[in-house]
Amino acid sequence: MKRTLYKEENLKRKNRLSLMLNNRELKALDIYCSRYRIKNKSEFLRETIMKAIIKKFDDEYPSLWEEPTIPTLFSRKK
């Protein structure tokens, strides 16, 4: 029996992001990916960027006694 994976429509990646690197940055990325056997650079960059963003949101999340002043990932204000 073939197993199919269901992906929710809102989780599909439809938006493209372009990233420019200078020669030294690209060489460093290539060396890193080679050293740590990273095959999919796109997935690696996406995960690395999202981890940094989520960590920043987590660090800035208001404590129990603070009022929220910074919009978060989950706020609905636009």
Protein backbone atom coordinates (compact mmCIF):
# COMPACT_ATOMS: atom_id res chain seq x y z
CA MET A 1 0.00 0.00 0.00
CA LYS A 2 1.44 3.32 -1.06
CA ARG A 3 1.37 5.92 1.64
CA THR A 4 0.58 9.48 0.67
CA LEU A 5 1.46 12.48 2.76
CA TYR A 6 -1.16 15.13 3.26
CA LYS A 7 0.03 18.70 3.30
CA GLU A 8 -2.28 21.46 4.37
CA GLU A 9 -2.75 24.14 1.75
CA ASN A 10 -1.50 26.91 4.03
CA LEU A 11 1.79 25.06 4.68
CA LYS A 12 2.76 24.76 1.02
CA ARG A 13 5.71 26.94 0.10
CA LYS A 14 4.50 29.33 -2.58
CA ASN A 15 6.66 32.38 -1.89
CA ARG A 16 10.13 32.78 -3.34
CA LEU A 17 12.94 34.59 -1.57
CA SER A 18 16.18 35.51 -3.26
CA LEU A 19 19.44 35.78 -1.34
CA MET A 20 22.63 37.43 -2.54
CA LEU A 21 26.03 36.45 -1.13
CA ASN A 22 29.47 37.77 -1.87
CA ASN A 23 32.25 35.35 -2.89
CA ARG A 24 33.58 34.90 0.65
CA GLU A 25 30.12 34.25 2.10
CA LEU A 26 29.33 31.70 -0.61
CA LYS A 27 32.67 29.96 -0.08
CA ALA A 28 32.03 29.80 3.68
CA LEU A 29 28.54 28.36 3.07
CA ASP A 30 29.93 25.79 0.63
CA ILE A 31 32.66 24.73 3.06
CA TYR A 32 30.13 24.47 5.92
CA CYS A 33 27.70 22.41 3.84
CA SER A 34 30.50 20.14 2.65
CA ARG A 35 31.96 19.68 6.13
CA TYR A 36 28.61 18.86 7.73
CA ARG A 37 27.25 16.92 4.72
CA ILE A 38 24.33 19.25 4.08
CA LYS A 39 22.79 18.25 0.76
CA ASN A 40 19.87 20.67 0.61
CA LYS A 41 21.11 24.25 1.07
CA SER A 42 17.63 25.68 0.63
CA GLU A 43 16.25 23.62 3.51
CA PHE A 44 19.30 24.43 5.65
CA LEU A 45 18.98 28.19 5.06
CA ARG A 46 15.21 28.14 5.62
CA GLU A 47 15.56 26.25 8.92
CA THR A 48 18.45 28.43 10.09
CA ILE A 49 16.60 31.67 9.33
CA MET A 50 13.37 30.49 10.96
CA LYS A 51 15.21 29.27 14.08
CA ALA A 52 16.82 32.70 14.46
CA ILE A 53 13.47 34.46 14.00
CA ILE A 54 11.61 32.22 16.44
CA LYS A 55 14.42 32.53 19.01
CA LYS A 56 14.29 36.33 18.74
CA PHE A 57 10.49 36.29 19.20
CA ASP A 58 10.91 33.96 22.17
CA ASP A 59 13.59 36.19 23.73
CA GLU A 60 11.42 39.28 23.30
CA TYR A 61 8.21 37.62 24.50
CA PRO A 62 6.76 39.65 27.36
CA SER A 63 7.00 38.21 30.83
CA LEU A 64 4.02 37.75 33.11
CA TRP A 65 4.18 41.37 34.31
CA GLU A 66 5.02 43.16 31.08
CA GLU A 67 2.60 44.60 28.57
CA PRO A 68 3.15 43.45 24.97
CA THR A 69 4.60 46.31 22.91
CA ILE A 70 6.25 44.40 20.07
CA PRO A 71 4.16 42.57 17.47
CA THR A 72 4.83 38.85 17.55
CA LEU A 73 4.65 36.07 14.99
CA PHE A 74 1.15 35.25 16.18
CA SER A 75 -0.36 38.71 16.44
CA ARG A 76 -3.14 39.44 13.95
CA LYS A 77 -2.47 43.17 13.57
CA LYS A 78 -1.24 44.20 10.12
